[in-house]
Amino acid sequence: MTETPTPDDDSTIRTDDYFQQEYHVSAAEAGEFLIAVGECLQAGDDVSLSGDGWELEFAYRDAVELEVEHVGGDDPELEIELELSAADGDDSPPTLG
């Protein structure tokens, strides 16, 4: 199970079928988190994340969507997004404990 860092502020959005939490962490902490998620993906394990007061279990399809976006200009930004779809036959939302 991958434990996420504590958020800097109360930025949690949570409903019956939606969860969002934003974190501002060091590059090293983000790297550790990504490595842990990557190890789950490499092993074919379900993704299991937890934080302060929440836990998320998610069984995903083998094929994933990976998007890399770079914006240049005065305020350059690199965005990396990983999207996992629910495993076949699992139409229910992830479990939030």
C-alpha atoms as a PDB file:
ATOM      1  CA  MET A   1       0.000   0.000   0.000  1.00  0.00           C
ATOM      2  CA  THR A   2       1.320   3.439  -0.916  1.00  0.00           C
ATOM      3  CA  GLU A   3       0.822   6.118   1.716  1.00  0.00           C
ATOM      4  CA  THR A   4       0.570   9.621   0.332  1.00  0.00           C
ATOM      5  CA  PRO A   5       2.000  12.683   2.074  1.00  0.00           C
ATOM      6  CA  THR A   6      -0.254  14.897   4.171  1.00  0.00           C
ATOM      7  CA  PRO A   7      -1.799  17.726   2.126  1.00  0.00           C
ATOM      8  CA  ASP A   8      -0.689  21.302   2.776  1.00  0.00           C
ATOM      9  CA  ASP A   9      -4.276  22.512   3.021  1.00  0.00           C
ATOM     10  CA  ASP A  10      -7.824  21.212   3.061  1.00  0.00           C
ATOM     11  CA  SER A  11      -8.155  20.620  -0.677  1.00  0.00           C
ATOM     12  CA  THR A  12     -10.054  17.332  -0.529  1.00  0.00           C
ATOM     13  CA  ILE A  13     -13.113  16.907  -2.751  1.00  0.00           C
ATOM     14  CA  ARG A  14     -15.085  13.769  -1.866  1.00  0.00           C
ATOM     15  CA  THR A  15     -18.545  12.554  -2.883  1.00  0.00           C
ATOM     16  CA  ASP A  16     -20.059   9.071  -3.220  1.00  0.00           C
ATOM     17  CA  ASP A  17     -18.224   8.335  -6.469  1.00  0.00           C
ATOM     18  CA  TYR A  18     -15.578  11.078  -6.736  1.00  0.00           C
ATOM     19  CA  PHE A  19     -12.387  11.802  -4.792  1.00  0.00           C
ATOM     20  CA  GLN A  20      -9.703  14.413  -5.383  1.00  0.00           C
ATOM     21  CA  GLN A  21      -6.824  15.523  -3.174  1.00  0.00           C
ATOM     22  CA  GLU A  22      -4.026  17.884  -4.184  1.00  0.00           C
ATOM     23  CA  TYR A  23      -0.594  17.747  -2.578  1.00  0.00           C
ATOM     24  CA  HIS A  24       2.352  20.123  -2.679  1.00  0.00           C
ATOM     25  CA  VAL A  25       5.442  18.039  -1.950  1.00  0.00           C
ATOM     26  CA  SER A  26       9.141  18.032  -2.696  1.00  0.00           C
ATOM     27  CA  ALA A  27      10.412  16.496  -5.928  1.00  0.00           C
ATOM     28  CA  ALA A  28      11.960  13.662  -3.877  1.00  0.00           C
ATOM     29  CA  GLU A  29       8.627  12.876  -2.170  1.00  0.00           C
ATOM     30  CA  ALA A  30       6.805  12.913  -5.520  1.00  0.00           C
ATOM     31  CA  GLY A  31       9.472  10.591  -6.930  1.00  0.00           C
ATOM     32  CA  GLU A  32       9.015   8.137  -4.063  1.00  0.00           C
ATOM     33  CA  PHE A  33       5.254   8.141  -4.628  1.00  0.00           C
ATOM     34  CA  LEU A  34       5.628   7.573  -8.377  1.00  0.00           C
ATOM     35  CA  ILE A  35       8.103   4.740  -7.807  1.00  0.00           C
ATOM     36  CA  ALA A  36       5.678   3.016  -5.417  1.00  0.00           C
ATOM     37  CA  VAL A  37       2.799   3.339  -7.914  1.00  0.00           C
ATOM     38  CA  GLY A  38       5.113   2.168 -10.708  1.00  0.00           C
ATOM     39  CA  GLU A  39       6.079  -0.915  -8.720  1.00  0.00           C
ATOM     40  CA  CYS A  40       2.367  -1.789  -8.319  1.00  0.00           C
ATOM     41  CA  LEU A  41       1.870  -1.406 -12.072  1.00  0.00           C
ATOM     42  CA  GLN A  42       4.965  -3.471 -12.924  1.00  0.00           C
ATOM     43  CA  ALA A  43       3.831  -6.269 -10.609  1.00  0.00           C
ATOM     44  CA  GLY A  44       0.270  -6.173 -11.967  1.00  0.00           C
ATOM     45  CA  ASP A  45      -1.075  -5.484  -8.475  1.00  0.00           C
ATOM     46  CA  ASP A  46      -4.197  -3.427  -7.807  1.00  0.00           C
ATOM     47  CA  VAL A  47      -3.373   0.163  -6.957  1.00  0.00           C
ATOM     48  CA  SER A  48      -3.889   0.833  -3.269  1.00  0.00           C
ATOM     49  CA  LEU A  49      -3.426   4.390  -2.007  1.00  0.00           C
ATOM     50  CA  SER A  50      -4.039   5.875   1.418  1.00  0.00           C
ATOM     51  CA  GLY A  51      -3.758   9.204   3.124  1.00  0.00           C
ATOM     52  CA  ASP A  52      -4.912  11.008   6.225  1.00  0.00           C
ATOM     53  CA  GLY A  53      -8.402   9.603   6.773  1.00  0.00           C
ATOM     54  CA  TRP A  54      -8.874   7.918   3.386  1.00  0.00           C
ATOM     55  CA  GLU A  55      -7.961   4.759   1.508  1.00  0.00           C
ATOM     56  CA  LEU A  56      -8.517   3.957  -2.168  1.00  0.00           C
ATOM     57  CA  GLU A  57      -8.389   0.481  -3.737  1.00  0.00           C
ATOM     58  CA  PHE A  58      -8.505   0.217  -7.545  1.00  0.00           C
ATOM     59  CA  ALA A  59      -8.332  -2.775  -9.894  1.00  0.00           C
ATOM     60  CA  TYR A  60      -7.347  -1.539 -13.361  1.00  0.00           C
ATOM     61  CA  ARG A  61      -7.052  -2.766 -16.943  1.00  0.00           C
ATOM     62  CA  ASP A  62      -3.609  -3.723 -18.174  1.00  0.00           C
ATOM     63  CA  ALA A  63      -3.559  -1.014 -20.870  1.00  0.00           C
ATOM     64  CA  VAL A  64      -3.221   2.464 -19.350  1.00  0.00           C
ATOM     65  CA  GLU A  65      -3.254   5.965 -20.779  1.00  0.00           C
ATOM     66  CA  LEU A  66      -0.104   8.016 -20.249  1.00  0.00           C
ATOM     67  CA  GLU A  67      -0.102  11.660 -21.346  1.00  0.00           C
ATOM     68  CA  VAL A  68       2.904  13.978 -21.375  1.00  0.00           C
ATOM     69  CA  GLU A  69       2.278  17.685 -21.954  1.00  0.00           C
ATOM     70  CA  HIS A  70       4.836  20.499 -22.095  1.00  0.00           C
ATOM     71  CA  VAL A  71       3.936  24.177 -22.223  1.00  0.00           C
ATOM     72  CA  GLY A  72       6.726  26.663 -22.921  1.00  0.00           C
ATOM     73  CA  GLY A  73       6.729  30.422 -22.698  1.00  0.00           C
ATOM     74  CA  ASP A  74       7.121  32.700 -19.692  1.00  0.00           C
ATOM     75  CA  ASP A  75       5.864  30.100 -17.210  1.00  0.00           C
ATOM     76  CA  PRO A  76       6.951  26.703 -18.605  1.00  0.00           C
ATOM     77  CA  GLU A  77       5.266  23.622 -17.234  1.00  0.00           C
ATOM     78  CA  LEU A  78       5.536  19.844 -17.668  1.00  0.00           C
ATOM     79  CA  GLU A  79       2.472  17.755 -16.882  1.00  0.00           C
ATOM     80  CA  ILE A  80       2.509  13.959 -16.641  1.00  0.00           C
ATOM     81  CA  GLU A  81      -0.860  12.235 -16.308  1.00  0.00           C
ATOM     82  CA  LEU A  82      -1.507   8.531 -15.798  1.00  0.00           C
ATOM     83  CA  GLU A  83      -5.067   7.330 -16.281  1.00  0.00           C
ATOM     84  CA  LEU A  84      -6.159   3.862 -15.203  1.00  0.00           C
ATOM     85  CA  SER A  85      -9.501   2.411 -16.292  1.00  0.00           C
ATOM     86  CA  ALA A  86     -11.393  -0.078 -14.146  1.00  0.00           C
ATOM     87  CA  ALA A  87     -10.649  -3.742 -14.763  1.00  0.00           C
ATOM     88  CA  ASP A  88     -13.046  -5.562 -17.112  1.00  0.00           C
ATOM     89  CA  GLY A  89     -16.262  -6.475 -15.399  1.00  0.00           C
ATOM     90  CA  ASP A  90     -15.680  -3.957 -12.599  1.00  0.00           C
ATOM     91  CA  ASP A  91     -17.990  -1.025 -13.257  1.00  0.00           C
ATOM     92  CA  SER A  92     -18.170  -0.006  -9.615  1.00  0.00           C
ATOM     93  CA  PRO A  93     -16.184   3.034  -8.444  1.00  0.00           C
ATOM     94  CA  PRO A  94     -13.039   2.514  -6.378  1.00  0.00           C
ATOM     95  CA  THR A  95     -13.587   1.781  -2.726  1.00  0.00           C
ATOM     96  CA  LEU A  96     -12.950   4.745  -0.463  1.00  0.00           C
ATOM     97  CA  GLY A  97     -12.395   3.433   3.050  1.00  0.00           C
END
